[in-house]
Amino acid sequence: MNLSIQFVKMPSSEALTAYTQKKFEKLEKKYSWLIHAEVSFKVNNDDVTKGKICEAELSLPGPRIFAISNEKNFEMAVKETISDLEKQLKKRKATFSHH
């Protein structure tokens, strides 16, 4: 699986990039049929309590799946986004028919 990480209107972070890659590698081990992941990080300055946004879109056989989360730090946002993606992937895997 290819992984693209973007930092929108904010400086890039090597630590956050490494953390995100590690989390998506775990996801890829469970679901080997993933093709590509696009992850973007944003800051919402209007949201005082949270405001750290992580968006992810996965390319896989069939329609793409998308998840977004808004948390108080980026690590929590990545975890929540991957959790949402995993729920969708479980549903998608159940629809695959094995011949």
N, C-alpha and C. Protein backbone atom coordinates (compact mmCIF):
# COMPACT_ATOMS: atom_id res chain seq x y z
N MET A 1 0.85 -1.18 0.00
CA MET A 1 0.00 0.00 0.00
C MET A 1 0.89 1.24 0.00
N ASN A 2 0.54 2.19 -0.83
CA ASN A 2 1.22 3.48 -0.84
C ASN A 2 0.54 4.40 0.16
N LEU A 3 1.33 5.24 0.82
CA LEU A 3 0.80 6.16 1.81
C LEU A 3 1.27 7.57 1.48
N SER A 4 0.32 8.49 1.33
CA SER A 4 0.62 9.90 1.09
C SER A 4 0.13 10.70 2.29
N ILE A 5 1.01 11.51 2.86
CA ILE A 5 0.66 12.31 4.03
C ILE A 5 0.86 13.78 3.68
N GLN A 6 -0.19 14.59 3.94
CA GLN A 6 -0.12 16.03 3.68
C GLN A 6 -0.38 16.79 4.97
N PHE A 7 0.33 17.88 5.12
CA PHE A 7 0.10 18.80 6.23
C PHE A 7 -0.44 20.10 5.61
N VAL A 8 -1.71 20.40 5.87
CA VAL A 8 -2.37 21.53 5.24
C VAL A 8 -2.22 22.79 6.11
N LYS A 9 -1.56 23.79 5.54
CA LYS A 9 -1.34 25.08 6.22
C LYS A 9 -0.74 24.93 7.61
N MET A 10 0.24 24.02 7.72
CA MET A 10 0.94 23.80 8.98
C MET A 10 2.28 23.14 8.66
N PRO A 11 3.27 23.26 9.55
CA PRO A 11 4.57 22.64 9.29
C PRO A 11 4.48 21.12 9.39
N SER A 12 5.28 20.43 8.58
CA SER A 12 5.28 18.97 8.64
C SER A 12 6.00 18.50 9.89
N SER A 13 5.68 17.29 10.30
CA SER A 13 6.25 16.72 11.52
C SER A 13 6.74 15.31 11.23
N GLU A 14 8.05 15.08 11.44
CA GLU A 14 8.63 13.75 11.23
C GLU A 14 8.04 12.74 12.21
N ALA A 15 7.83 13.14 13.46
CA ALA A 15 7.30 12.24 14.48
C ALA A 15 5.87 11.81 14.12
N LEU A 16 5.06 12.76 13.71
CA LEU A 16 3.68 12.46 13.34
C LEU A 16 3.63 11.60 12.07
N THR A 17 4.52 11.86 11.13
CA THR A 17 4.60 11.05 9.92
C THR A 17 4.96 9.61 10.27
N ALA A 18 5.94 9.42 11.13
CA ALA A 18 6.36 8.07 11.53
C ALA A 18 5.24 7.35 12.28
N TYR A 19 4.57 8.07 13.16
CA TYR A 19 3.46 7.49 13.93
C TYR A 19 2.33 7.04 12.98
N THR A 20 2.01 7.89 12.02
CA THR A 20 0.94 7.58 11.07
C THR A 20 1.32 6.39 10.20
N GLN A 21 2.57 6.34 9.74
CA GLN A 21 3.02 5.21 8.92
C GLN A 21 2.92 3.91 9.70
N LYS A 22 3.31 3.94 10.97
CA LYS A 22 3.25 2.75 11.81
C LYS A 22 1.81 2.25 11.95
N LYS A 23 0.88 3.15 12.19
CA LYS A 23 -0.53 2.78 12.36
C LYS A 23 -1.11 2.22 11.05
N PHE A 24 -0.76 2.83 9.92
CA PHE A 24 -1.30 2.35 8.65
C PHE A 24 -0.65 1.04 8.22
N GLU A 25 0.59 0.77 8.64
CA GLU A 25 1.22 -0.52 8.36
C GLU A 25 0.47 -1.64 9.07
N LYS A 26 0.03 -1.38 10.29
CA LYS A 26 -0.77 -2.38 11.02
C LYS A 26 -2.08 -2.65 10.28
N LEU A 27 -2.69 -1.59 9.77
CA LEU A 27 -3.94 -1.73 9.03
C LEU A 27 -3.70 -2.55 7.75
N GLU A 28 -2.58 -2.30 7.09
CA GLU A 28 -2.26 -3.01 5.86
C GLU A 28 -2.02 -4.50 6.11
N LYS A 29 -1.45 -4.84 7.26
CA LYS A 29 -1.21 -6.25 7.59
C LYS A 29 -2.53 -7.00 7.73
N LYS A 30 -3.54 -6.34 8.28
CA LYS A 30 -4.85 -6.97 8.44
C LYS A 30 -5.58 -7.07 7.11
N TYR A 31 -5.43 -6.05 6.27
CA TYR A 31 -6.17 -5.96 5.01
C TYR A 31 -5.17 -5.78 3.87
N SER A 32 -4.69 -6.90 3.35
CA SER A 32 -3.62 -6.86 2.34
C SER A 32 -4.07 -6.30 1.01
N TRP A 33 -5.38 -6.16 0.78
CA TRP A 33 -5.89 -5.71 -0.50
C TRP A 33 -6.01 -4.18 -0.59
N LEU A 34 -5.48 -3.46 0.38
CA LEU A 34 -5.48 -1.99 0.31
C LEU A 34 -4.49 -1.54 -0.76
N ILE A 35 -4.86 -0.53 -1.51
CA ILE A 35 -4.01 -0.05 -2.61
C ILE A 35 -3.26 1.22 -2.23
N HIS A 36 -4.00 2.23 -1.74
CA HIS A 36 -3.40 3.53 -1.48
C HIS A 36 -4.15 4.23 -0.35
N ALA A 37 -3.40 4.98 0.45
CA ALA A 37 -4.02 5.78 1.52
C ALA A 37 -3.54 7.22 1.39
N GLU A 38 -4.48 8.15 1.46
CA GLU A 38 -4.16 9.57 1.47
C GLU A 38 -4.59 10.13 2.82
N VAL A 39 -3.64 10.67 3.56
CA VAL A 39 -3.92 11.20 4.89
C VAL A 39 -3.56 12.69 4.89
N SER A 40 -4.42 13.50 5.48
CA SER A 40 -4.11 14.92 5.60
C SER A 40 -4.39 15.39 7.03
N PHE A 41 -3.54 16.28 7.48
CA PHE A 41 -3.67 16.86 8.82
C PHE A 41 -3.97 18.35 8.68
N LYS A 42 -4.91 18.83 9.49
CA LYS A 42 -5.29 20.24 9.48
C LYS A 42 -5.47 20.70 10.92
N VAL A 43 -5.41 22.01 11.10
CA VAL A 43 -5.71 22.61 12.40
C VAL A 43 -6.91 23.52 12.23
N ASN A 44 -7.91 23.34 13.09
CA ASN A 44 -9.08 24.21 13.09
C ASN A 44 -8.95 25.14 14.29
N ASN A 45 -8.56 26.37 14.05
CA ASN A 45 -8.34 27.32 15.13
C ASN A 45 -9.63 27.80 15.79
N ASP A 46 -10.77 27.57 15.14
CA ASP A 46 -12.06 27.97 15.70
C ASP A 46 -12.50 27.06 16.84
N ASP A 47 -12.04 25.82 16.83
CA ASP A 47 -12.43 24.84 17.84
C ASP A 47 -11.42 24.89 18.99
N VAL A 48 -11.83 25.42 20.13
CA VAL A 48 -10.92 25.62 21.26
C VAL A 48 -10.56 24.30 21.95
N THR A 49 -11.53 23.39 22.12
CA THR A 49 -11.27 22.16 22.87
C THR A 49 -10.57 21.10 22.04
N LYS A 50 -10.83 21.03 20.75
CA LYS A 50 -10.21 20.00 19.91
C LYS A 50 -9.41 20.69 18.82
N GLY A 51 -9.84 20.61 17.58
CA GLY A 51 -9.21 21.38 16.52
C GLY A 51 -8.11 20.70 15.75
N LYS A 52 -7.68 19.50 16.15
CA LYS A 52 -6.67 18.76 15.40
C LYS A 52 -7.40 17.74 14.54
N ILE A 53 -7.36 17.94 13.22
CA ILE A 53 -8.16 17.15 12.29
C ILE A 53 -7.27 16.21 11.48
N CYS A 54 -7.71 14.96 11.40
CA CYS A 54 -7.06 13.96 10.56
C CYS A 54 -8.10 13.40 9.61
N GLU A 55 -7.80 13.48 8.31
CA GLU A 55 -8.67 12.92 7.28
C GLU A 55 -7.91 11.82 6.56
N ALA A 56 -8.60 10.74 6.23
CA ALA A 56 -7.96 9.65 5.50
C ALA A 56 -8.93 9.09 4.46
N GLU A 57 -8.38 8.80 3.29
CA GLU A 57 -9.15 8.18 2.22
C GLU A 57 -8.37 6.97 1.73
N LEU A 58 -9.03 5.82 1.67
CA LEU A 58 -8.39 4.59 1.24
C LEU A 58 -8.89 4.17 -0.13
N SER A 59 -7.94 3.79 -0.99
CA SER A 59 -8.29 3.20 -2.28
C SER A 59 -8.18 1.69 -2.12
N LEU A 60 -9.19 0.99 -2.58
CA LEU A 60 -9.24 -0.45 -2.48
C LEU A 60 -10.20 -0.95 -3.54
N PRO A 61 -10.30 -2.27 -3.74
CA PRO A 61 -11.27 -2.75 -4.71
C PRO A 61 -12.68 -2.26 -4.36
N GLY A 62 -13.37 -1.70 -5.32
CA GLY A 62 -14.69 -1.13 -5.06
C GLY A 62 -14.57 0.34 -4.74
N PRO A 63 -15.63 0.93 -4.19
CA PRO A 63 -15.59 2.37 -3.88
C PRO A 63 -14.57 2.70 -2.80
N ARG A 64 -14.04 3.91 -2.85
CA ARG A 64 -13.11 4.37 -1.83
C ARG A 64 -13.85 4.56 -0.52
N ILE A 65 -13.10 4.48 0.59
CA ILE A 65 -13.71 4.77 1.88
C ILE A 65 -12.98 5.95 2.51
N PHE A 66 -13.71 6.68 3.34
CA PHE A 66 -13.22 7.95 3.88
C PHE A 66 -13.56 8.03 5.36
N ALA A 67 -12.66 8.63 6.14
CA ALA A 67 -12.94 8.88 7.56
C ALA A 67 -12.25 10.17 7.97
N ILE A 68 -12.86 10.86 8.92
CA ILE A 68 -12.32 12.11 9.44
C ILE A 68 -12.57 12.16 10.93
N SER A 69 -11.61 12.72 11.67
CA SER A 69 -11.83 12.90 13.11
C SER A 69 -11.22 14.21 13.57
N ASN A 70 -11.79 14.74 14.63
CA ASN A 70 -11.37 16.02 15.20
C ASN A 70 -11.13 15.77 16.69
N GLU A 71 -9.87 15.83 17.11
CA GLU A 71 -9.51 15.53 18.50
C GLU A 71 -8.62 16.62 19.07
N LYS A 72 -8.22 16.45 20.34
CA LYS A 72 -7.40 17.47 20.97
C LYS A 72 -5.92 17.36 20.61
N ASN A 73 -5.48 16.19 20.08
CA ASN A 73 -4.12 16.11 19.53
C ASN A 73 -4.14 15.18 18.30
N PHE A 74 -3.10 15.26 17.49
CA PHE A 74 -3.09 14.53 16.23
C PHE A 74 -3.01 13.03 16.42
N GLU A 75 -2.31 12.56 17.45
CA GLU A 75 -2.20 11.13 17.69
C GLU A 75 -3.58 10.52 17.95
N MET A 76 -4.37 11.20 18.78
CA MET A 76 -5.73 10.73 19.04
C MET A 76 -6.58 10.78 17.77
N ALA A 77 -6.38 11.80 16.97
CA ALA A 77 -7.13 11.93 15.72
C ALA A 77 -6.78 10.78 14.77
N VAL A 78 -5.50 10.41 14.69
CA VAL A 78 -5.08 9.29 13.83
C VAL A 78 -5.73 8.00 14.33
N LYS A 79 -5.69 7.76 15.64
CA LYS A 79 -6.28 6.54 16.20
C LYS A 79 -7.77 6.47 15.89
N GLU A 80 -8.48 7.57 16.08
CA GLU A 80 -9.92 7.60 15.84
C GLU A 80 -10.24 7.40 14.36
N THR A 81 -9.46 8.02 13.49
CA THR A 81 -9.67 7.87 12.05
C THR A 81 -9.45 6.43 11.62
N ILE A 82 -8.38 5.81 12.10
CA ILE A 82 -8.10 4.42 11.74
C ILE A 82 -9.18 3.50 12.30
N SER A 83 -9.67 3.79 13.47
CA SER A 83 -10.77 3.00 14.05
C SER A 83 -12.00 3.05 13.15
N ASP A 84 -12.33 4.25 12.67
CA ASP A 84 -13.47 4.40 11.76
C ASP A 84 -13.24 3.65 10.44
N LEU A 85 -12.01 3.75 9.92
CA LEU A 85 -11.69 3.05 8.67
C LEU A 85 -11.79 1.54 8.86
N GLU A 86 -11.33 1.06 10.02
CA GLU A 86 -11.36 -0.37 10.28
C GLU A 86 -12.79 -0.92 10.32
N LYS A 87 -13.71 -0.15 10.89
CA LYS A 87 -15.12 -0.56 10.90
C LYS A 87 -15.63 -0.71 9.47
N GLN A 88 -15.28 0.25 8.63
CA GLN A 88 -15.72 0.20 7.23
C GLN A 88 -15.07 -0.96 6.49
N LEU A 89 -13.78 -1.20 6.79
CA LEU A 89 -13.07 -2.30 6.13
C LEU A 89 -13.64 -3.66 6.52
N LYS A 90 -14.04 -3.81 7.77
CA LYS A 90 -14.65 -5.08 8.21
C LYS A 90 -15.94 -5.34 7.44
N LYS A 91 -16.75 -4.29 7.26
CA LYS A 91 -17.97 -4.43 6.48
C LYS A 91 -17.66 -4.80 5.04
N ARG A 92 -16.65 -4.13 4.47
CA ARG A 92 -16.28 -4.39 3.08
C ARG A 92 -15.76 -5.82 2.92
N LYS A 93 -14.96 -6.28 3.88
CA LYS A 93 -14.40 -7.62 3.80
C LYS A 93 -15.51 -8.67 3.87
N ALA A 94 -16.54 -8.40 4.63
CA ALA A 94 -17.67 -9.34 4.75
C ALA A 94 -18.41 -9.48 3.44
N THR A 95 -18.37 -8.45 2.59
CA THR A 95 -19.09 -8.53 1.31
C THR A 95 -18.29 -9.24 0.23
N PHE A 96 -16.97 -9.43 0.45
CA PHE A 96 -16.16 -10.14 -0.55
C PHE A 96 -16.62 -11.59 -0.59
N SER A 97 -16.71 -12.13 -1.79
CA SER A 97 -17.05 -13.55 -1.91
C SER A 97 -15.80 -14.30 -2.35
N HIS A 98 -15.55 -15.40 -1.71
CA HIS A 98 -14.37 -16.21 -2.04
C HIS A 98 -14.79 -17.30 -3.00
N HIS A 99 -14.08 -17.41 -4.10
CA HIS A 99 -14.41 -18.42 -5.12
C HIS A 99 -13.46 -19.57 -5.02
